[in-house]
Amino acid sequence: MSQNTCILFCRCGAGVISNEKTDQLANAFQQLDADVYELRDLCALSVHEKDVLQSIGEKYDRKLVVACYSRAVENMLRQAGIELDGFEFLNFKELSTEQILEKLTDTYQLASGEARYQVQTSELDVPAWFPVIDESRCTLCGQCARFCMFGVYSFDKRSLTVVNPLACKNNCPACGRTCPASAIMFPRLAENSALAGAEPGEKKAAGGAKNGGLFVMLNERNQIRKNIFRQGVVQMAEEERRRALEEFAPKRPKREGPVDAS
């Protein structure tokens, strides 16, 4: 029995790929015999219309997500409470249109034809810029929550949660730059880096602190911290946070001069 399959295509509102490539992908998907959902955009839907994503997911055995880095998208859906069974990911930042189409037709056996194409648009006027936590890497050090000054996180020694994603300031990935484990990601960040969701270059200690490899994990974190300071990343984060604070600080009313009583 063939699998019930759909394509979830993120038309990213942050422009992490070019408009030309986005249009190429949309045109290519319309030539497939498949149910295609163009999401405008996936980040905003995961915050504001979770039920839409959940209902689509429940209709299909296999969901092929064409979006940015799979580490970022998978954790974003998990953070939104979306059931991840049957989701598979294709990265349009790394794969060309031709490579994605080849995978859809050869690996996933989708035939040519006329797509049943639907557009799902978020009601969120400005799609949110917000952090996504990679729980498999997070060591619960709390650095990101302490660095953020906008109330995005809730943190204690047992949990770190994004509780107020819309309080995050656009173009301020500062908290993620300070994370010693590369556990904080911003899917809407245009750069190709671990901060945007690429796999971190350093090798993660097997088991991690949560499973007993405490000294190995602490040593890894200390080394990463040294690298962060050496590359000036913390200074960059502080500058990004300062700009965000200045941009959103309440404007002080201008002082009026003394009134002439004569």
Foldseek 3Di string as FASTA:
>chain_A
DAWQEAEEEAPEPLCLDPPVQSVLLVVLQQFWAHAYEYEPHDQQCLPFPLVVVQVVVVVTQAYEYEEAAPQQNVQSNVLSVHDCHRYDYDHCNPDGSVRVSCCCCPVVVIHTDGYNYHYDYHPPPDRFFFKGFNVVQDPLPCQLVVLDPQPQWDGDSVDIHRPDGRSDDPPQLLSQLQDLRLGIATCSDSDDASNNPPDHPDDDDPPEVVRPPVVVNVVSSVVSNVVSVVVCSNVVNVVSNVVRCVVPPDDDDDDDDDDDPD
